Amino acid sequence: MSDHKVLCNLLKGIFNVNEWSNTQYTTYKSIQQIANEFKEHKRMFETKDDLIIIRSNLKEQLWYKYSKSKPIISHLLDTMKLLNHTYEHNLHCINFTLSLQFDKFEVHACLYKNLINNVTIYYIYLENKQKRAYVASYMKPVETKSKNINKLPEFDKIYEITSMSQNIICQCDLLNLFAEIIMYYDDSTTIGTMPISHEVNVTLNQLIEKSNQYLSKKVSSVDYNWNT
């Protein structure tokens, strides 16, 4: 019997009674405290296998092969932690949320799509303690656009939040990186096909393909900028 099963059976033996004693209650509270104390280790462990696959996927992408920002991308991935991930896909809806923590900022993604009436809520944004910058924001039926959201993606704000610049990592590399990570967690493969906004009718898949086509012409990725 494995050590894991032995430990599980031991804990079940302690707690599987009709009425707890003070010892069982305090033991349970201690376990909760220990679990909370080491939750960061849990997040790092859960992210480790994901990062192996994400890095492998990136190596197959043309934009990454030509990228001159590999050290920065590697550093960003080294600091990535999975904060939250939920996914549900049934006959009625697709419901996906993702929260990732990097060194100085967080990335949040959400897609809710009602398969009956087509009501859709979709957004991707980066944030730190001071600012939020949107990569995508799309709702159906159309809602009034927030006055705080300019033309998407909000690259000026994104660079401020990440404490980077185009000299460190170009727009296409930055966008493609976050797109690849987010789409990795989206088992429905729907996010890659969603318009990033009502004003910019282009998807993450199309943006990645656009940069790959650009690079296939053997033009330096350094000269590539977001242009719709």
C-alpha atoms as a PDB file:
ATOM      1  CA  MET A   1       0.000   0.000   0.000  1.00  0.00           C
ATOM      2  CA  SER A   2       1.329   3.442  -0.950  1.00  0.00           C
ATOM      3  CA  ASP A   3       2.192   6.068   1.643  1.00  0.00           C
ATOM      4  CA  HIS A   4      -0.655   8.206   0.291  1.00  0.00           C
ATOM      5  CA  LYS A   5      -3.247   5.493   0.909  1.00  0.00           C
ATOM      6  CA  VAL A   6      -1.813   4.775   4.356  1.00  0.00           C
ATOM      7  CA  LEU A   7      -2.115   8.457   5.293  1.00  0.00           C
ATOM      8  CA  CYS A   8      -5.662   8.687   3.910  1.00  0.00           C
ATOM      9  CA  ASN A   9      -6.757   5.608   5.846  1.00  0.00           C
ATOM     10  CA  LEU A  10      -5.142   6.998   8.992  1.00  0.00           C
ATOM     11  CA  LEU A  11      -7.011  10.298   8.668  1.00  0.00           C
ATOM     12  CA  LYS A  12     -10.285   8.527   7.929  1.00  0.00           C
ATOM     13  CA  GLY A  13      -9.762   6.449  11.041  1.00  0.00           C
ATOM     14  CA  ILE A  14      -9.328   9.626  13.094  1.00  0.00           C
ATOM     15  CA  PHE A  15     -12.341  11.535  11.755  1.00  0.00           C
ATOM     16  CA  ASN A  16     -14.834   8.867  10.711  1.00  0.00           C
ATOM     17  CA  VAL A  17     -16.866   8.774  13.925  1.00  0.00           C
ATOM     18  CA  ASN A  18     -20.395   9.908  14.768  1.00  0.00           C
ATOM     19  CA  GLU A  19     -19.290  12.631  17.169  1.00  0.00           C
ATOM     20  CA  TRP A  20     -15.928  14.380  17.275  1.00  0.00           C
ATOM     21  CA  SER A  21     -13.936  14.886  20.434  1.00  0.00           C
ATOM     22  CA  ASN A  22     -11.892  18.004  21.224  1.00  0.00           C
ATOM     23  CA  THR A  23      -8.802  16.205  19.934  1.00  0.00           C
ATOM     24  CA  GLN A  24     -10.421  15.440  16.583  1.00  0.00           C
ATOM     25  CA  TYR A  25     -11.647  19.017  16.230  1.00  0.00           C
ATOM     26  CA  THR A  26      -8.266  20.578  17.037  1.00  0.00           C
ATOM     27  CA  THR A  27      -6.547  18.080  14.724  1.00  0.00           C
ATOM     28  CA  TYR A  28      -8.884  19.089  11.896  1.00  0.00           C
ATOM     29  CA  LYS A  29      -8.219  22.798  12.524  1.00  0.00           C
ATOM     30  CA  SER A  30      -4.472  22.116  12.512  1.00  0.00           C
ATOM     31  CA  ILE A  31      -4.734  20.367   9.147  1.00  0.00           C
ATOM     32  CA  GLN A  32      -6.642  23.365   7.759  1.00  0.00           C
ATOM     33  CA  GLN A  33      -3.963  25.722   9.049  1.00  0.00           C
ATOM     34  CA  ILE A  34      -1.169  23.653   7.531  1.00  0.00           C
ATOM     35  CA  ALA A  35      -3.011  23.430   4.198  1.00  0.00           C
ATOM     36  CA  ASN A  36      -3.441  27.200   4.139  1.00  0.00           C
ATOM     37  CA  GLU A  37       0.207  27.758   5.070  1.00  0.00           C
ATOM     38  CA  PHE A  38       1.436  25.694   2.139  1.00  0.00           C
ATOM     39  CA  LYS A  39      -1.172  26.696  -0.465  1.00  0.00           C
ATOM     40  CA  GLU A  40       1.501  28.484  -2.525  1.00  0.00           C
ATOM     41  CA  HIS A  41       3.430  25.215  -2.777  1.00  0.00           C
ATOM     42  CA  LYS A  42       0.223  23.536  -3.945  1.00  0.00           C
ATOM     43  CA  ARG A  43      -0.261  26.150  -6.665  1.00  0.00           C
ATOM     44  CA  MET A  44       3.325  25.779  -7.847  1.00  0.00           C
ATOM     45  CA  PHE A  45       2.978  21.995  -8.007  1.00  0.00           C
ATOM     46  CA  GLU A  46      -0.302  22.201  -9.951  1.00  0.00           C
ATOM     47  CA  THR A  47       1.249  24.632 -12.439  1.00  0.00           C
ATOM     48  CA  LYS A  48       4.435  22.621 -13.005  1.00  0.00           C
ATOM     49  CA  ASP A  49       2.984  20.012 -15.367  1.00  0.00           C
ATOM     50  CA  ASP A  50       0.985  22.667 -17.239  1.00  0.00           C
ATOM     51  CA  LEU A  51       4.140  24.687 -17.854  1.00  0.00           C
ATOM     52  CA  ILE A  52       5.939  21.687 -19.337  1.00  0.00           C
ATOM     53  CA  ILE A  53       3.161  21.297 -21.917  1.00  0.00           C
ATOM     54  CA  ILE A  54       2.867  25.051 -22.555  1.00  0.00           C
ATOM     55  CA  ARG A  55       6.608  25.357 -23.187  1.00  0.00           C
ATOM     56  CA  SER A  56       6.462  22.383 -25.537  1.00  0.00           C
ATOM     57  CA  ASN A  57       3.537  23.926 -27.422  1.00  0.00           C
ATOM     58  CA  LEU A  58       5.374  27.230 -27.783  1.00  0.00           C
ATOM     59  CA  LYS A  59       8.378  25.535 -29.402  1.00  0.00           C
ATOM     60  CA  GLU A  60       6.093  24.379 -32.216  1.00  0.00           C
ATOM     61  CA  GLN A  61       4.902  27.913 -32.987  1.00  0.00           C
ATOM     62  CA  LEU A  62       6.574  29.798 -35.814  1.00  0.00           C
ATOM     63  CA  TRP A  63       6.290  33.156 -34.033  1.00  0.00           C
ATOM     64  CA  TYR A  64       8.151  31.713 -31.050  1.00  0.00           C
ATOM     65  CA  LYS A  65      10.918  30.196 -33.187  1.00  0.00           C
ATOM     66  CA  TYR A  66      11.612  33.648 -34.635  1.00  0.00           C
ATOM     67  CA  SER A  67      11.123  35.495 -31.359  1.00  0.00           C
ATOM     68  CA  LYS A  68      14.021  37.493 -29.971  1.00  0.00           C
ATOM     69  CA  SER A  69      12.307  37.636 -26.572  1.00  0.00           C
ATOM     70  CA  LYS A  70      12.739  34.009 -25.530  1.00  0.00           C
ATOM     71  CA  PRO A  71      14.589  34.884 -22.280  1.00  0.00           C
ATOM     72  CA  ILE A  72      11.763  37.238 -21.243  1.00  0.00           C
ATOM     73  CA  ILE A  73       9.103  34.692 -22.176  1.00  0.00           C
ATOM     74  CA  SER A  74      10.960  32.022 -20.214  1.00  0.00           C
ATOM     75  CA  HIS A  75      11.164  34.335 -17.184  1.00  0.00           C
ATOM     76  CA  LEU A  76       7.445  35.075 -17.357  1.00  0.00           C
ATOM     77  CA  LEU A  77       6.645  31.361 -17.477  1.00  0.00           C
ATOM     78  CA  ASP A  78       9.017  30.717 -14.562  1.00  0.00           C
ATOM     79  CA  THR A  79       6.938  33.078 -12.410  1.00  0.00           C
ATOM     80  CA  MET A  80       3.518  31.833 -13.533  1.00  0.00           C
ATOM     81  CA  LYS A  81       1.159  30.379 -10.916  1.00  0.00           C
ATOM     82  CA  LEU A  82      -2.343  29.047 -11.422  1.00  0.00           C
ATOM     83  CA  LEU A  83      -4.700  30.911  -9.083  1.00  0.00           C
ATOM     84  CA  ASN A  84      -8.034  29.657 -10.360  1.00  0.00           C
ATOM     85  CA  HIS A  85      -9.402  27.575 -13.208  1.00  0.00           C
ATOM     86  CA  THR A  86     -13.000  26.474 -13.728  1.00  0.00           C
ATOM     87  CA  TYR A  87     -14.522  24.854 -16.774  1.00  0.00           C
ATOM     88  CA  GLU A  88     -18.018  23.583 -17.487  1.00  0.00           C
ATOM     89  CA  HIS A  89     -19.447  22.589 -20.847  1.00  0.00           C
ATOM     90  CA  ASN A  90     -22.919  21.127 -21.027  1.00  0.00           C
ATOM     91  CA  LEU A  91     -25.992  21.280 -23.263  1.00  0.00           C
ATOM     92  CA  HIS A  92     -26.848  24.751 -21.974  1.00  0.00           C
ATOM     93  CA  CYS A  93     -23.615  26.706 -21.709  1.00  0.00           C
ATOM     94  CA  ILE A  94     -19.857  26.989 -21.791  1.00  0.00           C
ATOM     95  CA  ASN A  95     -18.478  28.502 -18.596  1.00  0.00           C
ATOM     96  CA  PHE A  96     -14.726  29.104 -18.369  1.00  0.00           C
ATOM     97  CA  THR A  97     -12.681  31.203 -15.942  1.00  0.00           C
ATOM     98  CA  LEU A  98      -8.934  31.452 -15.506  1.00  0.00           C
ATOM     99  CA  SER A  99      -6.708  33.484 -13.193  1.00  0.00           C
ATOM    100  CA  LEU A 100      -2.924  33.395 -13.444  1.00  0.00           C
ATOM    101  CA  GLN A 101      -0.331  35.171 -11.352  1.00  0.00           C
ATOM    102  CA  PHE A 102       2.975  36.346 -12.742  1.00  0.00           C
ATOM    103  CA  ASP A 103       5.811  38.191 -11.051  1.00  0.00           C
ATOM    104  CA  LYS A 104       4.241  41.673 -10.956  1.00  0.00           C
ATOM    105  CA  PHE A 105       0.753  41.200 -12.378  1.00  0.00           C
ATOM    106  CA  GLU A 106      -2.170  38.857 -12.916  1.00  0.00           C
ATOM    107  CA  VAL A 107      -4.024  37.680 -16.026  1.00  0.00           C
ATOM    108  CA  HIS A 108      -7.748  36.970 -15.909  1.00  0.00           C
ATOM    109  CA  ALA A 109      -9.911  35.390 -18.583  1.00  0.00           C
ATOM    110  CA  CYS A 110     -13.613  34.589 -18.669  1.00  0.00           C
ATOM    111  CA  LEU A 111     -15.949  33.110 -21.246  1.00  0.00           C
ATOM    112  CA  TYR A 112     -19.601  32.461 -20.588  1.00  0.00           C
ATOM    113  CA  LYS A 113     -21.610  31.421 -23.631  1.00  0.00           C
ATOM    114  CA  ASN A 114     -25.252  30.414 -23.345  1.00  0.00           C
ATOM    115  CA  LEU A 115     -25.834  27.807 -26.053  1.00  0.00           C
ATOM    116  CA  ILE A 116     -29.593  28.349 -25.969  1.00  0.00           C
ATOM    117  CA  ASN A 117     -29.947  32.118 -26.415  1.00  0.00           C
ATOM    118  CA  ASN A 118     -26.326  32.994 -27.427  1.00  0.00           C
ATOM    119  CA  VAL A 119     -25.820  35.414 -24.528  1.00  0.00           C
ATOM    120  CA  THR A 120     -22.043  35.805 -24.309  1.00  0.00           C
ATOM    121  CA  ILE A 121     -19.628  37.351 -21.817  1.00  0.00           C
ATOM    122  CA  TYR A 122     -15.972  37.243 -22.827  1.00  0.00           C
ATOM    123  CA  TYR A 123     -12.978  39.166 -21.549  1.00  0.00           C
ATOM    124  CA  ILE A 124      -9.238  38.940 -21.007  1.00  0.00           C
ATOM    125  CA  TYR A 125      -7.367  41.513 -18.968  1.00  0.00           C
ATOM    126  CA  LEU A 126      -4.120  42.072 -17.094  1.00  0.00           C
ATOM    127  CA  GLU A 127      -3.980  43.913 -13.809  1.00  0.00           C
ATOM    128  CA  ASN A 128      -1.767  44.969 -10.951  1.00  0.00           C
ATOM    129  CA  LYS A 129      -2.687  46.882  -7.817  1.00  0.00           C
ATOM    130  CA  GLN A 130      -3.046  50.154  -9.729  1.00  0.00           C
ATOM    131  CA  LYS A 131      -4.291  49.385 -13.244  1.00  0.00           C
ATOM    132  CA  ARG A 132      -6.229  47.060 -15.502  1.00  0.00           C
ATOM    133  CA  ALA A 133      -5.625  46.616 -19.234  1.00  0.00           C
ATOM    134  CA  TYR A 134      -7.915  44.688 -21.564  1.00  0.00           C
ATOM    135  CA  VAL A 135      -6.815  42.341 -24.322  1.00  0.00           C
ATOM    136  CA  ALA A 136     -10.394  41.355 -25.179  1.00  0.00           C
ATOM    137  CA  SER A 137     -13.849  42.509 -24.151  1.00  0.00           C
ATOM    138  CA  TYR A 138     -16.903  41.209 -25.976  1.00  0.00           C
ATOM    139  CA  MET A 139     -20.502  40.849 -24.872  1.00  0.00           C
ATOM    140  CA  LYS A 140     -23.637  39.718 -26.663  1.00  0.00           C
ATOM    141  CA  PRO A 141     -26.135  41.369 -26.694  1.00  0.00           C
ATOM    142  CA  VAL A 142     -23.941  44.417 -27.191  1.00  0.00           C
ATOM    143  CA  GLU A 143     -23.503  46.522 -24.069  1.00  0.00           C
ATOM    144  CA  THR A 144     -22.361  50.115 -23.870  1.00  0.00           C
ATOM    145  CA  LYS A 145     -18.595  50.174 -24.118  1.00  0.00           C
ATOM    146  CA  SER A 146     -16.821  51.203 -20.938  1.00  0.00           C
ATOM    147  CA  LYS A 147     -15.343  54.683 -21.124  1.00  0.00           C
ATOM    148  CA  ASN A 148     -12.169  53.267 -19.582  1.00  0.00           C
ATOM    149  CA  ILE A 149     -11.553  50.836 -22.447  1.00  0.00           C
ATOM    150  CA  ASN A 150      -9.837  52.219 -25.543  1.00  0.00           C
ATOM    151  CA  LYS A 151      -9.025  50.378 -28.746  1.00  0.00           C
ATOM    152  CA  LEU A 152      -8.170  46.782 -27.897  1.00  0.00           C
ATOM    153  CA  PRO A 153      -5.696  45.401 -27.049  1.00  0.00           C
ATOM    154  CA  GLU A 154      -4.656  48.202 -24.684  1.00  0.00           C
ATOM    155  CA  PHE A 155      -0.937  47.806 -25.286  1.00  0.00           C
ATOM    156  CA  ASP A 156       0.182  51.026 -23.598  1.00  0.00           C
ATOM    157  CA  LYS A 157      -1.456  49.952 -20.347  1.00  0.00           C
ATOM    158  CA  ILE A 158      -0.300  46.348 -20.777  1.00  0.00           C
ATOM    159  CA  TYR A 159       3.324  47.447 -20.980  1.00  0.00           C
ATOM    160  CA  GLU A 160       2.890  49.632 -17.890  1.00  0.00           C
ATOM    161  CA  ILE A 161       1.332  46.785 -15.912  1.00  0.00           C
ATOM    162  CA  THR A 162       3.976  44.250 -16.940  1.00  0.00           C
ATOM    163  CA  SER A 163       6.822  46.765 -16.402  1.00  0.00           C
ATOM    164  CA  MET A 164       8.106  45.996 -19.891  1.00  0.00           C
ATOM    165  CA  SER A 165       8.393  47.815 -23.205  1.00  0.00           C
ATOM    166  CA  GLN A 166       8.413  47.028 -26.915  1.00  0.00           C
ATOM    167  CA  ASN A 167      12.210  47.054 -26.757  1.00  0.00           C
ATOM    168  CA  ILE A 168      12.014  44.091 -24.378  1.00  0.00           C
ATOM    169  CA  ILE A 169       9.180  42.141 -25.988  1.00  0.00           C
ATOM    170  CA  CYS A 170       7.261  43.136 -29.105  1.00  0.00           C
ATOM    171  CA  GLN A 171       3.491  43.393 -29.254  1.00  0.00           C
ATOM    172  CA  CYS A 172       2.890  40.217 -31.226  1.00  0.00           C
ATOM    173  CA  ASP A 173       5.075  38.089 -28.923  1.00  0.00           C
ATOM    174  CA  LEU A 174       3.365  39.457 -25.828  1.00  0.00           C
ATOM    175  CA  LEU A 175      -0.118  38.914 -27.231  1.00  0.00           C
ATOM    176  CA  ASN A 176       0.649  35.492 -28.688  1.00  0.00           C
ATOM    177  CA  LEU A 177       2.160  34.310 -25.413  1.00  0.00           C
ATOM    178  CA  PHE A 178      -0.909  35.134 -23.331  1.00  0.00           C
ATOM    179  CA  ALA A 179      -3.189  33.783 -26.062  1.00  0.00           C
ATOM    180  CA  GLU A 180      -1.334  30.456 -26.123  1.00  0.00           C
ATOM    181  CA  ILE A 181      -1.460  30.143 -22.327  1.00  0.00           C
ATOM    182  CA  ILE A 182      -5.155  30.990 -22.050  1.00  0.00           C
ATOM    183  CA  MET A 183      -6.185  28.756 -24.938  1.00  0.00           C
ATOM    184  CA  TYR A 184      -4.238  25.871 -23.391  1.00  0.00           C
ATOM    185  CA  TYR A 185      -6.642  25.922 -20.435  1.00  0.00           C
ATOM    186  CA  ASP A 186      -9.767  26.303 -22.606  1.00  0.00           C
ATOM    187  CA  ASP A 187     -10.877  22.735 -23.299  1.00  0.00           C
ATOM    188  CA  SER A 188     -13.789  23.978 -25.409  1.00  0.00           C
ATOM    189  CA  THR A 189     -11.358  25.657 -27.881  1.00  0.00           C
ATOM    190  CA  THR A 190     -13.926  28.467 -28.121  1.00  0.00           C
ATOM    191  CA  ILE A 191     -11.856  31.412 -26.877  1.00  0.00           C
ATOM    192  CA  GLY A 192      -9.562  31.271 -29.890  1.00  0.00           C
ATOM    193  CA  THR A 193     -12.557  31.792 -32.198  1.00  0.00           C
ATOM    194  CA  MET A 194     -14.117  34.756 -30.348  1.00  0.00           C
ATOM    195  CA  PRO A 195     -13.779  38.358 -31.625  1.00  0.00           C
ATOM    196  CA  ILE A 196     -11.648  40.337 -29.200  1.00  0.00           C
ATOM    197  CA  SER A 197     -14.183  43.196 -29.318  1.00  0.00           C
ATOM    198  CA  HIS A 198     -17.141  44.502 -31.285  1.00  0.00           C
ATOM    199  CA  GLU A 199     -14.916  47.163 -32.833  1.00  0.00           C
ATOM    200  CA  VAL A 200     -12.075  44.774 -33.729  1.00  0.00           C
ATOM    201  CA  ASN A 201     -13.562  41.704 -35.392  1.00  0.00           C
ATOM    202  CA  VAL A 202     -10.478  39.503 -35.159  1.00  0.00           C
ATOM    203  CA  THR A 203      -9.846  36.420 -33.016  1.00  0.00           C
ATOM    204  CA  LEU A 204      -6.824  35.200 -31.062  1.00  0.00           C
ATOM    205  CA  ASN A 205      -6.375  32.372 -33.555  1.00  0.00           C
ATOM    206  CA  GLN A 206      -6.331  34.896 -36.391  1.00  0.00           C
ATOM    207  CA  LEU A 207      -3.799  37.094 -34.585  1.00  0.00           C
ATOM    208  CA  ILE A 208      -1.438  34.166 -34.095  1.00  0.00           C
ATOM    209  CA  GLU A 209      -1.906  33.123 -37.716  1.00  0.00           C
ATOM    210  CA  LYS A 210      -1.299  36.699 -38.836  1.00  0.00           C
ATOM    211  CA  SER A 211       2.068  36.851 -37.084  1.00  0.00           C
ATOM    212  CA  ASN A 212       3.001  33.398 -38.391  1.00  0.00           C
ATOM    213  CA  GLN A 213       2.198  34.470 -41.952  1.00  0.00           C
ATOM    214  CA  TYR A 214       4.227  37.614 -41.464  1.00  0.00           C
ATOM    215  CA  LEU A 215       7.198  35.632 -40.227  1.00  0.00           C
ATOM    216  CA  SER A 216       6.869  33.045 -42.977  1.00  0.00           C
ATOM    217  CA  LYS A 217       7.866  35.856 -45.350  1.00  0.00           C
ATOM    218  CA  LYS A 218      11.152  35.960 -43.420  1.00  0.00           C
ATOM    219  CA  VAL A 219      10.651  39.470 -42.134  1.00  0.00           C
ATOM    220  CA  SER A 220      12.034  40.217 -38.679  1.00  0.00           C
ATOM    221  CA  SER A 221       9.447  39.998 -35.913  1.00  0.00           C
ATOM    222  CA  VAL A 222      11.010  43.098 -34.338  1.00  0.00           C
ATOM    223  CA  ASP A 223       9.362  45.222 -37.033  1.00  0.00           C
ATOM    224  CA  TYR A 224       5.917  43.753 -36.428  1.00  0.00           C
ATOM    225  CA  ASN A 225       3.386  45.897 -34.613  1.00  0.00           C
ATOM    226  CA  TRP A 226      -0.287  45.561 -33.898  1.00  0.00           C
ATOM    227  CA  ASN A 227      -2.182  46.826 -36.916  1.00  0.00           C
ATOM    228  CA  THR A 228      -5.810  46.207 -37.744  1.00  0.00           C
END
